[in-house]
Amino acid sequence: VRLQYVLNNFEKATPEEKNIMLKSVVRKIYYSKSQG
């Protein structure tokens, strides 16, 4: 339910709301990228 809510509302949300949404479904996201 939480994931679907984020998918439905993320694009139009404010930065603060996006941050709250992300923290409602994940603990951390780990980033890696070695090629541009």
Full PDB file with SEQRES, HELIX, SHEET, SSBOND, CRYST1, ORIGX, SCALE, CONECT and MASTER records, all heavy atoms in Angstrom:
SEQRES   1 A   36  VAL ARG LEU GLN TYR VAL LEU ASN ASN PHE GLU LYS ALA          
SEQRES   2 A   36  THR PRO GLU GLU LYS ASN ILE MET LEU LYS SER VAL VAL          
SEQRES   3 A   36  ARG LYS ILE TYR TYR SER LYS SER GLN GLY                      
HELIX    1 AA1 ARG A    2  ASN A    9  1                                   8    
HELIX    2 AA2 PRO A   15  LYS A   23  1                                   9    
CRYST1    1.000    1.000    1.000  90.00  90.00  90.00 P 1           1          
ORIGX1      1.000000  0.000000  0.000000        0.00000                         
ORIGX2      0.000000  1.000000  0.000000        0.00000                         
ORIGX3      0.000000  0.000000  1.000000        0.00000                         
SCALE1      1.000000  0.000000  0.000000        0.00000                         
SCALE2      0.000000  1.000000  0.000000        0.00000                         
SCALE3      0.000000  0.000000  1.000000        0.00000                         
ATOM      1  N   VAL A   1       0.842  -1.210   0.000  1.00  0.00           N  
ATOM      2  CA  VAL A   1       0.000   0.000   0.000  1.00  0.00           C  
ATOM      3  C   VAL A   1       0.873   1.255   0.000  1.00  0.00           C  
ATOM      4  O   VAL A   1       0.628   2.208  -0.744  1.00  0.00           O  
ATOM      5  CB  VAL A   1      -0.947   0.002   1.215  1.00  0.00           C  
ATOM      6  CG1 VAL A   1      -1.630   1.357   1.359  1.00  0.00           C  
ATOM      7  CG2 VAL A   1      -2.000  -1.093   1.081  1.00  0.00           C  
ATOM      8  N   ARG A   2       1.904   1.257   0.848  1.00  0.00           N  
ATOM      9  CA  ARG A   2       2.786   2.432   0.935  1.00  0.00           C  
ATOM     10  C   ARG A   2       3.531   2.675  -0.375  1.00  0.00           C  
ATOM     11  O   ARG A   2       3.666   3.815  -0.833  1.00  0.00           O  
ATOM     12  CB  ARG A   2       3.785   2.248   2.076  1.00  0.00           C  
ATOM     13  CG  ARG A   2       3.164   2.276   3.466  1.00  0.00           C  
ATOM     14  CD  ARG A   2       4.255   2.328   4.520  1.00  0.00           C  
ATOM     15  NE  ARG A   2       3.736   2.165   5.871  1.00  0.00           N  
ATOM     16  CZ  ARG A   2       4.459   2.319   6.976  1.00  0.00           C  
ATOM     17  NH1 ARG A   2       5.741   2.626   6.878  1.00  0.00           N  
ATOM     18  NH2 ARG A   2       3.930   2.151   8.164  1.00  0.00           N  
ATOM     19  N   LEU A   3       4.048   1.593  -0.968  1.00  0.00           N  
ATOM     20  CA  LEU A   3       4.775   1.735  -2.233  1.00  0.00           C  
ATOM     21  C   LEU A   3       3.876   2.294  -3.327  1.00  0.00           C  
ATOM     22  O   LEU A   3       4.289   3.159  -4.112  1.00  0.00           O  
ATOM     23  CB  LEU A   3       5.348   0.376  -2.660  1.00  0.00           C  
ATOM     24  CG  LEU A   3       6.580  -0.121  -1.897  1.00  0.00           C  
ATOM     25  CD1 LEU A   3       6.876  -1.569  -2.262  1.00  0.00           C  
ATOM     26  CD2 LEU A   3       7.797   0.750  -2.183  1.00  0.00           C  
ATOM     27  N   GLN A   4       2.646   1.805  -3.397  1.00  0.00           N  
ATOM     28  CA  GLN A   4       1.726   2.280  -4.415  1.00  0.00           C  
ATOM     29  C   GLN A   4       1.382   3.744  -4.203  1.00  0.00           C  
ATOM     30  O   GLN A   4       1.259   4.516  -5.168  1.00  0.00           O  
ATOM     31  CB  GLN A   4       0.442   1.435  -4.410  1.00  0.00           C  
ATOM     32  CG  GLN A   4      -0.437   1.677  -5.625  1.00  0.00           C  
ATOM     33  CD  GLN A   4       0.273   1.339  -6.931  1.00  0.00           C  
ATOM     34  OE1 GLN A   4       0.729   0.219  -7.135  1.00  0.00           O  
ATOM     35  NE2 GLN A   4       0.389   2.326  -7.828  1.00  0.00           N  
ATOM     36  N   TYR A   5       1.278   4.161  -2.945  1.00  0.00           N  
ATOM     37  CA  TYR A   5       1.006   5.567  -2.629  1.00  0.00           C  
ATOM     38  C   TYR A   5       2.153   6.447  -3.126  1.00  0.00           C  
ATOM     39  O   TYR A   5       1.927   7.511  -3.721  1.00  0.00           O  
ATOM     40  CB  TYR A   5       0.814   5.749  -1.126  1.00  0.00           C  
ATOM     41  CG  TYR A   5       0.582   7.192  -0.731  1.00  0.00           C  
ATOM     42  CD1 TYR A   5      -0.696   7.763  -0.813  1.00  0.00           C  
ATOM     43  CD2 TYR A   5       1.631   7.989  -0.293  1.00  0.00           C  
ATOM     44  CE1 TYR A   5      -0.908   9.090  -0.464  1.00  0.00           C  
ATOM     45  CE2 TYR A   5       1.434   9.316   0.055  1.00  0.00           C  
ATOM     46  CZ  TYR A   5       0.157   9.867  -0.028  1.00  0.00           C  
ATOM     47  OH  TYR A   5      -0.047  11.186   0.310  1.00  0.00           O  
ATOM     48  N   VAL A   6       3.383   6.020  -2.883  1.00  0.00           N  
ATOM     49  CA  VAL A   6       4.547   6.776  -3.330  1.00  0.00           C  
ATOM     50  C   VAL A   6       4.553   6.877  -4.855  1.00  0.00           C  
ATOM     51  O   VAL A   6       4.765   7.959  -5.415  1.00  0.00           O  
ATOM     52  CB  VAL A   6       5.854   6.126  -2.830  1.00  0.00           C  
ATOM     53  CG1 VAL A   6       7.061   6.872  -3.409  1.00  0.00           C  
ATOM     54  CG2 VAL A   6       5.915   6.152  -1.307  1.00  0.00           C  
ATOM     55  N   LEU A   7       4.303   5.779  -5.538  1.00  0.00           N  
ATOM     56  CA  LEU A   7       4.296   5.791  -7.004  1.00  0.00           C  
ATOM     57  C   LEU A   7       3.231   6.737  -7.558  1.00  0.00           C  
ATOM     58  O   LEU A   7       3.450   7.415  -8.566  1.00  0.00           O  
ATOM     59  CB  LEU A   7       4.057   4.372  -7.531  1.00  0.00           C  
ATOM     60  CG  LEU A   7       5.220   3.388  -7.368  1.00  0.00           C  
ATOM     61  CD1 LEU A   7       4.765   1.966  -7.697  1.00  0.00           C  
ATOM     62  CD2 LEU A   7       6.392   3.782  -8.258  1.00  0.00           C  
ATOM     63  N   ASN A   8       2.099   6.794  -6.895  1.00  0.00           N  
ATOM     64  CA  ASN A   8       0.984   7.625  -7.374  1.00  0.00           C  
ATOM     65  C   ASN A   8       1.206   9.115  -7.116  1.00  0.00           C  
ATOM     66  O   ASN A   8       0.667   9.958  -7.839  1.00  0.00           O  
ATOM     67  CB  ASN A   8      -0.323   7.198  -6.716  1.00  0.00           C  
ATOM     68  CG  ASN A   8      -0.775   5.812  -7.163  1.00  0.00           C  
ATOM     69  OD1 ASN A   8      -0.312   5.302  -8.184  1.00  0.00           O  
ATOM     70  ND2 ASN A   8      -1.657   5.191  -6.401  1.00  0.00           N  
ATOM     71  N   ASN A   9       1.979   9.472  -6.076  1.00  0.00           N  
ATOM     72  CA  ASN A   9       2.038  10.865  -5.629  1.00  0.00           C  
ATOM     73  C   ASN A   9       3.428  11.501  -5.659  1.00  0.00           C  
ATOM     74  O   ASN A   9       3.551  12.695  -5.399  1.00  0.00           O  
ATOM     75  CB  ASN A   9       1.488  10.966  -4.194  1.00  0.00           C  
ATOM     76  CG  ASN A   9       0.032  10.551  -4.095  1.00  0.00           C  
ATOM     77  OD1 ASN A   9      -0.866  11.323  -4.422  1.00  0.00           O  
ATOM     78  ND2 ASN A   9      -0.208   9.330  -3.655  1.00  0.00           N  
ATOM     79  N   PHE A  10       4.443  10.714  -5.954  1.00  0.00           N  
ATOM     80  CA  PHE A  10       5.814  11.220  -5.830  1.00  0.00           C  
ATOM     81  C   PHE A  10       6.097  12.391  -6.770  1.00  0.00           C  
ATOM     82  O   PHE A  10       6.682  13.402  -6.366  1.00  0.00           O  
ATOM     83  CB  PHE A  10       6.802  10.079  -6.115  1.00  0.00           C  
ATOM     84  CG  PHE A  10       8.229  10.425  -5.797  1.00  0.00           C  
ATOM     85  CD1 PHE A  10       8.703  10.348  -4.505  1.00  0.00           C  
ATOM     86  CD2 PHE A  10       9.110  10.808  -6.804  1.00  0.00           C  
ATOM     87  CE1 PHE A  10      10.024  10.655  -4.206  1.00  0.00           C  
ATOM     88  CE2 PHE A  10      10.423  11.114  -6.521  1.00  0.00           C  
ATOM     89  CZ  PHE A  10      10.885  11.039  -5.218  1.00  0.00           C  
ATOM     90  N   GLU A  11       5.695  12.287  -8.004  1.00  0.00           N  
ATOM     91  CA  GLU A  11       6.077  13.276  -9.020  1.00  0.00           C  
ATOM     92  C   GLU A  11       5.602  14.690  -8.682  1.00  0.00           C  
ATOM     93  O   GLU A  11       6.324  15.669  -8.883  1.00  0.00           O  
ATOM     94  CB  GLU A  11       5.508  12.858 -10.385  1.00  0.00           C  
ATOM     95  CG  GLU A  11       5.986  13.743 -11.515  1.00  0.00           C  
ATOM     96  CD  GLU A  11       5.498  13.258 -12.882  1.00  0.00           C  
ATOM     97  OE1 GLU A  11       4.906  12.161 -12.944  1.00  0.00           O  
ATOM     98  OE2 GLU A  11       5.709  13.981 -13.862  1.00  0.00           O  
ATOM     99  N   LYS A  12       4.397  14.817  -8.104  1.00  0.00           N  
ATOM    100  CA  LYS A  12       3.818  16.134  -7.847  1.00  0.00           C  
ATOM    101  C   LYS A  12       4.090  16.639  -6.424  1.00  0.00           C  
ATOM    102  O   LYS A  12       3.693  17.755  -6.077  1.00  0.00           O  
ATOM    103  CB  LYS A  12       2.309  16.097  -8.093  1.00  0.00           C  
ATOM    104  CG  LYS A  12       1.948  15.817  -9.551  1.00  0.00           C  
ATOM    105  CD  LYS A  12       0.439  15.797  -9.750  1.00  0.00           C  
ATOM    106  CE  LYS A  12       0.086  15.505 -11.213  1.00  0.00           C  
ATOM    107  NZ  LYS A  12      -1.388  15.474 -11.423  1.00  0.00           N  
ATOM    108  N   ALA A  13       4.758  15.857  -5.610  1.00  0.00           N  
ATOM    109  CA  ALA A  13       4.988  16.219  -4.206  1.00  0.00           C  
ATOM    110  C   ALA A  13       6.123  17.235  -4.072  1.00  0.00           C  
ATOM    111  O   ALA A  13       6.968  17.383  -4.958  1.00  0.00           O  
ATOM    112  CB  ALA A  13       5.312  14.973  -3.399  1.00  0.00           C  
ATOM    113  N   THR A  14       6.139  17.970  -2.939  1.00  0.00           N  
ATOM    114  CA  THR A  14       7.238  18.890  -2.632  1.00  0.00           C  
ATOM    115  C   THR A  14       8.458  18.071  -2.192  1.00  0.00           C  
ATOM    116  O   THR A  14       8.325  16.896  -1.830  1.00  0.00           O  
ATOM    117  CB  THR A  14       6.854  19.832  -1.491  1.00  0.00           C  
ATOM    118  OG1 THR A  14       6.664  19.065  -0.285  1.00  0.00           O  
ATOM    119  CG2 THR A  14       5.569  20.588  -1.824  1.00  0.00           C  
ATOM    120  N   PRO A  15       9.659  18.691  -2.192  1.00  0.00           N  
ATOM    121  CA  PRO A  15      10.843  17.959  -1.725  1.00  0.00           C  
ATOM    122  C   PRO A  15      10.666  17.372  -0.327  1.00  0.00           C  
ATOM    123  O   PRO A  15      11.074  16.234  -0.075  1.00  0.00           O  
ATOM    124  CB  PRO A  15      11.942  19.013  -1.757  1.00  0.00           C  
ATOM    125  CG  PRO A  15      11.529  19.956  -2.836  1.00  0.00           C  
ATOM    126  CD  PRO A  15      10.028  20.017  -2.744  1.00  0.00           C  
ATOM    127  N   GLU A  16      10.070  18.137   0.581  1.00  0.00           N  
ATOM    128  CA  GLU A  16       9.865  17.636   1.940  1.00  0.00           C  
ATOM    129  C   GLU A  16       8.909  16.443   1.948  1.00  0.00           C  
ATOM    130  O   GLU A  16       9.144  15.440   2.641  1.00  0.00           O  
ATOM    131  CB  GLU A  16       9.314  18.744   2.836  1.00  0.00           C  
ATOM    132  CG  GLU A  16       9.205  18.323   4.299  1.00  0.00           C  
ATOM    133  CD  GLU A  16       8.776  19.469   5.195  1.00  0.00           C  
ATOM    134  OE1 GLU A  16       8.549  20.586   4.677  1.00  0.00           O  
ATOM    135  OE2 GLU A  16       8.658  19.243   6.407  1.00  0.00           O  
ATOM    136  N   GLU A  17       7.832  16.534   1.168  1.00  0.00           N  
ATOM    137  CA  GLU A  17       6.884  15.417   1.089  1.00  0.00           C  
ATOM    138  C   GLU A  17       7.524  14.185   0.465  1.00  0.00           C  
ATOM    139  O   GLU A  17       7.283  13.051   0.892  1.00  0.00           O  
ATOM    140  CB  GLU A  17       5.658  15.850   0.272  1.00  0.00           C  
ATOM    141  CG  GLU A  17       4.777  16.869   0.983  1.00  0.00           C  
ATOM    142  CD  GLU A  17       3.720  17.465   0.062  1.00  0.00           C  
ATOM    143  OE1 GLU A  17       3.884  17.374  -1.186  1.00  0.00           O  
ATOM    144  OE2 GLU A  17       2.735  18.022   0.580  1.00  0.00           O  
ATOM    145  N   LYS A  18       8.363  14.394  -0.554  1.00  0.00           N  
ATOM    146  CA  LYS A  18       9.065  13.266  -1.183  1.00  0.00           C  
ATOM    147  C   LYS A  18       9.967  12.562  -0.179  1.00  0.00           C  
ATOM    148  O   LYS A  18      10.044  11.328  -0.142  1.00  0.00           O  
ATOM    149  CB  LYS A  18       9.892  13.759  -2.379  1.00  0.00           C  
ATOM    150  CG  LYS A  18       9.068  14.160  -3.589  1.00  0.00           C  
ATOM    151  CD  LYS A  18       9.967  14.627  -4.731  1.00  0.00           C  
ATOM    152  CE  LYS A  18       9.145  14.998  -5.964  1.00  0.00           C  
ATOM    153  NZ  LYS A  18       9.988  15.458  -7.094  1.00  0.00           N  
ATOM    154  N   ASN A  19      10.647  13.360   0.644  1.00  0.00           N  
ATOM    155  CA  ASN A  19      11.542  12.793   1.649  1.00  0.00           C  
ATOM    156  C   ASN A  19      10.765  11.929   2.643  1.00  0.00           C  
ATOM    157  O   ASN A  19      11.196  10.824   3.007  1.00  0.00           O  
ATOM    158  CB  ASN A  19      12.283  13.915   2.380  1.00  0.00           C  
ATOM    159  CG  ASN A  19      13.327  13.397   3.330  1.00  0.00           C  
ATOM    160  OD1 ASN A  19      13.167  13.481   4.548  1.00  0.00           O  
ATOM    161  ND2 ASN A  19      14.410  12.867   2.805  1.00  0.00           N  
ATOM    162  N   ILE A  20       9.607  12.415   3.056  1.00  0.00           N  
ATOM    163  CA  ILE A  20       8.759  11.662   3.995  1.00  0.00           C  
ATOM    164  C   ILE A  20       8.267  10.371   3.340  1.00  0.00           C  
ATOM    165  O   ILE A  20       8.253   9.300   3.948  1.00  0.00           O  
ATOM    166  CB  ILE A  20       7.567  12.527   4.459  1.00  0.00           C  
ATOM    167  CG1 ILE A  20       8.080  13.702   5.311  1.00  0.00           C  
ATOM    168  CG2 ILE A  20       6.569  11.688   5.252  1.00  0.00           C  
ATOM    169  CD1 ILE A  20       7.014  14.725   5.639  1.00  0.00           C  
ATOM    170  N   MET A  21       7.856  10.474   2.067  1.00  0.00           N  
ATOM    171  CA  MET A  21       7.378   9.294   1.336  1.00  0.00           C  
ATOM    172  C   MET A  21       8.460   8.219   1.254  1.00  0.00           C  
ATOM    173  O   MET A  21       8.214   7.040   1.503  1.00  0.00           O  
ATOM    174  CB  MET A  21       6.942   9.685  -0.082  1.00  0.00           C  
ATOM    175  CG  MET A  21       5.653  10.458  -0.166  1.00  0.00           C  
ATOM    176  SD  MET A  21       5.281  10.791  -1.918  1.00  0.00           S  
ATOM    177  CE  MET A  21       3.977  12.008  -1.744  1.00  0.00           C  
ATOM    178  N   LEU A  22       9.666   8.645   0.866  1.00  0.00           N  
ATOM    179  CA  LEU A  22      10.764   7.682   0.712  1.00  0.00           C  
ATOM    180  C   LEU A  22      11.063   6.977   2.036  1.00  0.00           C  
ATOM    181  O   LEU A  22      11.259   5.766   2.084  1.00  0.00           O  
ATOM    182  CB  LEU A  22      12.018   8.389   0.196  1.00  0.00           C  
ATOM    183  CG  LEU A  22      11.970   8.870  -1.251  1.00  0.00           C  
ATOM    184  CD1 LEU A  22      13.148   9.802  -1.561  1.00  0.00           C  
ATOM    185  CD2 LEU A  22      11.967   7.695  -2.217  1.00  0.00           C  
ATOM    186  N   LYS A  23      11.063   7.761   3.122  1.00  0.00           N  
ATOM    187  CA  LYS A  23      11.367   7.182   4.438  1.00  0.00           C  
ATOM    188  C   LYS A  23      10.236   6.312   4.970  1.00  0.00           C  
ATOM    189  O   LYS A  23      10.422   5.575   5.935  1.00  0.00           O  
ATOM    190  CB  LYS A  23      11.690   8.298   5.429  1.00  0.00           C  
ATOM    191  CG  LYS A  23      13.029   8.966   5.144  1.00  0.00           C  
ATOM    192  CD  LYS A  23      13.337  10.083   6.136  1.00  0.00           C  
ATOM    193  CE  LYS A  23      14.718  10.671   5.862  1.00  0.00           C  
ATOM    194  NZ  LYS A  23      15.049  11.794   6.777  1.00  0.00           N  
ATOM    195  N   SER A  24       9.072   6.388   4.328  1.00  0.00           N  
ATOM    196  CA  SER A  24       7.954   5.534   4.753  1.00  0.00           C  
ATOM    197  C   SER A  24       8.050   4.125   4.177  1.00  0.00           C  
ATOM    198  O   SER A  24       7.324   3.221   4.601  1.00  0.00           O  
ATOM    199  CB  SER A  24       6.618   6.168   4.333  1.00  0.00           C  
ATOM    200  OG  SER A  24       6.424   6.053   2.921  1.00  0.00           O  
ATOM    201  N   VAL A  25       8.973   3.927   3.184  1.00  0.00           N  
ATOM    202  CA  VAL A  25       9.062   2.606   2.547  1.00  0.00           C  
ATOM    203  C   VAL A  25      10.477   2.020   2.549  1.00  0.00           C  
ATOM    204  O   VAL A  25      10.656   0.830   2.330  1.00  0.00           O  
ATOM    205  CB  VAL A  25       8.537   2.644   1.092  1.00  0.00           C  
ATOM    206  CG1 VAL A  25       7.037   2.877   1.075  1.00  0.00           C  
ATOM    207  CG2 VAL A  25       9.268   3.704   0.273  1.00  0.00           C  
ATOM    208  N   VAL A  26      11.494   2.863   2.756  1.00  0.00           N  
ATOM    209  CA  VAL A  26      12.870   2.345   2.736  1.00  0.00           C  
ATOM    210  C   VAL A  26      13.647   2.824   3.957  1.00  0.00           C  
ATOM    211  O   VAL A  26      13.343   3.868   4.538  1.00  0.00           O  
ATOM    212  CB  VAL A  26      13.633   2.780   1.455  1.00  0.00           C  
ATOM    213  CG1 VAL A  26      12.913   2.344   0.206  1.00  0.00           C  
ATOM    214  CG2 VAL A  26      13.883   4.281   1.449  1.00  0.00           C  
ATOM    215  N   ARG A  27      14.654   2.038   4.332  1.00  0.00           N  
ATOM    216  CA  ARG A  27      15.602   2.488   5.349  1.00  0.00           C  
ATOM    217  C   ARG A  27      16.727   3.278   4.681  1.00  0.00           C  
ATOM    218  O   ARG A  27      17.053   4.374   5.086  1.00  0.00           O  
ATOM    219  CB  ARG A  27      16.193   1.292   6.108  1.00  0.00           C  
ATOM    220  CG  ARG A  27      15.212   0.640   7.060  1.00  0.00           C  
ATOM    221  CD  ARG A  27      15.870  -0.457   7.875  1.00  0.00           C  
ATOM    222  NE  ARG A  27      14.889  -1.024   8.790  1.00  0.00           N  
ATOM    223  CZ  ARG A  27      14.020  -1.956   8.474  1.00  0.00           C  
ATOM    224  NH1 ARG A  27      14.029  -2.457   7.238  1.00  0.00           N  
ATOM    225  NH2 ARG A  27      13.143  -2.399   9.341  1.00  0.00           N  
ATOM    226  N   LYS A  28      17.307   2.669   3.659  1.00  0.00           N  
ATOM    227  CA  LYS A  28      18.387   3.314   2.917  1.00  0.00           C  
ATOM    228  C   LYS A  28      18.343   2.852   1.462  1.00  0.00           C  
ATOM    229  O   LYS A  28      17.858   1.766   1.163  1.00  0.00           O  
ATOM    230  CB  LYS A  28      19.764   2.963   3.500  1.00  0.00           C  
ATOM    231  CG  LYS A  28      20.080   3.618   4.830  1.00  0.00           C  
ATOM    232  CD  LYS A  28      21.505   3.268   5.261  1.00  0.00           C  
ATOM    233  CE  LYS A  28      21.869   3.952   6.571  1.00  0.00           C  
ATOM    234  NZ  LYS A  28      23.264   3.643   6.994  1.00  0.00           N  
ATOM    235  N   ILE A  29      18.894   3.691   0.600  1.00  0.00           N  
ATOM    236  CA  ILE A  29      19.127   3.307  -0.782  1.00  0.00           C  
ATOM    237  C   ILE A  29      20.615   3.534  -1.044  1.00  0.00           C  
ATOM    238  O   ILE A  29      21.140   4.611  -0.768  1.00  0.00           O  
ATOM    239  CB  ILE A  29      18.286   4.127  -1.773  1.00  0.00           C  
ATOM    240  CG1 ILE A  29      16.797   3.942  -1.482  1.00  0.00           C  
ATOM    241  CG2 ILE A  29      18.598   3.722  -3.204  1.00  0.00           C  
ATOM    242  CD1 ILE A  29      15.891   4.766  -2.370  1.00  0.00           C  
ATOM    243  N   TYR A  30      21.298   2.512  -1.551  1.00  0.00           N  
ATOM    244  CA  TYR A  30      22.743   2.611  -1.808  1.00  0.00           C  
ATOM    245  C   TYR A  30      22.992   2.843  -3.295  1.00  0.00           C  
ATOM    246  O   TYR A  30      22.477   2.134  -4.143  1.00  0.00           O  
ATOM    247  CB  TYR A  30      23.448   1.344  -1.335  1.00  0.00           C  
ATOM    248  CG  TYR A  30      23.426   1.192   0.165  1.00  0.00           C  
ATOM    249  CD1 TYR A  30      22.460   0.408   0.778  1.00  0.00           C  
ATOM    250  CD2 TYR A  30      24.356   1.855   0.959  1.00  0.00           C  
ATOM    251  CE1 TYR A  30      22.422   0.278   2.157  1.00  0.00           C  
ATOM    252  CE2 TYR A  30      24.325   1.728   2.334  1.00  0.00           C  
ATOM    253  CZ  TYR A  30      23.358   0.944   2.930  1.00  0.00           C  
ATOM    254  OH  TYR A  30      23.316   0.817   4.296  1.00  0.00           O  
ATOM    255  N   TYR A  31      23.826   3.846  -3.559  1.00  0.00           N  
ATOM    256  CA  TYR A  31      24.074   4.315  -4.925  1.00  0.00           C  
ATOM    257  C   TYR A  31      25.458   3.899  -5.404  1.00  0.00           C  
ATOM    258  O   TYR A  31      26.441   4.011  -4.668  1.00  0.00           O  
ATOM    259  CB  TYR A  31      23.967   5.835  -4.926  1.00  0.00           C  
ATOM    260  CG  TYR A  31      24.376   6.544  -6.205  1.00  0.00           C  
ATOM    261  CD1 TYR A  31      23.429   6.947  -7.123  1.00  0.00           C  
ATOM    262  CD2 TYR A  31      25.717   6.842  -6.468  1.00  0.00           C  
ATOM    263  CE1 TYR A  31      23.793   7.620  -8.288  1.00  0.00           C  
ATOM    264  CE2 TYR A  31      26.097   7.512  -7.627  1.00  0.00           C  
ATOM    265  CZ  TYR A  31      25.125   7.898  -8.530  1.00  0.00           C  
ATOM    266  OH  TYR A  31      25.498   8.562  -9.675  1.00  0.00           O  
ATOM    267  N   SER A  32      25.530   3.432  -6.635  1.00  0.00           N  
ATOM    268  CA  SER A  32      26.839   3.197  -7.251  1.00  0.00           C  
ATOM    269  C   SER A  32      26.749   3.456  -8.745  1.00  0.00           C  
ATOM    270  O   SER A  32      25.746   3.141  -9.389  1.00  0.00           O  
ATOM    271  CB  SER A  32      27.353   1.777  -6.991  1.00  0.00           C  
ATOM    272  OG  SER A  32      26.576   0.833  -7.679  1.00  0.00           O  
ATOM    273  N   LYS A  33      27.798   4.050  -9.274  1.00  0.00           N  
ATOM    274  CA  LYS A  33      27.877   4.321 -10.707  1.00  0.00           C  
ATOM    275  C   LYS A  33      29.332   4.623 -11.028  1.00  0.00           C  
ATOM    276  O   LYS A  33      29.953   5.471 -10.396  1.00  0.00           O  
ATOM    277  CB  LYS A  33      26.994   5.526 -11.075  1.00  0.00           C  
ATOM    278  CG  LYS A  33      26.960   5.842 -12.571  1.00  0.00           C  
ATOM    279  CD  LYS A  33      26.076   7.047 -12.834  1.00  0.00           C  
ATOM    280  CE  LYS A  33      26.082   7.403 -14.318  1.00  0.00           C  
ATOM    281  NZ  LYS A  33      25.290   8.614 -14.597  1.00  0.00           N  
ATOM    282  N   SER A  34      29.889   3.919 -11.997  1.00  0.00           N  
ATOM    283  CA  SER A  34      31.311   4.081 -12.303  1.00  0.00           C  
ATOM    284  C   SER A  34      31.569   4.627 -13.709  1.00  0.00           C  
ATOM    285  O   SER A  34      32.703   4.965 -14.037  1.00  0.00           O  
ATOM    286  CB  SER A  34      32.048   2.738 -12.160  1.00  0.00           C  
ATOM    287  OG  SER A  34      31.502   1.779 -13.054  1.00  0.00           O  
ATOM    288  N   GLN A  35      30.522   4.724 -14.518  1.00  0.00           N  
ATOM    289  CA  GLN A  35      30.704   5.182 -15.893  1.00  0.00           C  
ATOM    290  C   GLN A  35      29.746   6.308 -16.216  1.00  0.00           C  
ATOM    291  O   GLN A  35      28.552   6.215 -15.924  1.00  0.00           O  
ATOM    292  CB  GLN A  35      30.473   4.036 -16.882  1.00  0.00           C  
ATOM    293  CG  GLN A  35      31.443   2.872 -16.725  1.00  0.00           C  
ATOM    294  CD  GLN A  35      31.103   1.723 -17.640  1.00  0.00           C  
ATOM    295  OE1 GLN A  35      30.241   1.848 -18.495  1.00  0.00           O  
ATOM    296  NE2 GLN A  35      31.776   0.601 -17.448  1.00  0.00           N  
ATOM    297  N   GLY A  36      30.266   7.365 -16.829  1.00  0.00           N  
ATOM    298  CA  GLY A  36      29.418   8.456 -17.294  1.00  0.00           C  
ATOM    299  C   GLY A  36      29.120   8.304 -18.770  1.00  0.00           C  
ATOM    300  O   GLY A  36      29.749   7.503 -19.466  1.00  0.00           O  
TER     301      GLY A  36                                                      
MASTER        0    0    0    2    0    0    0    6  300    1    0    3          
END                                                                             
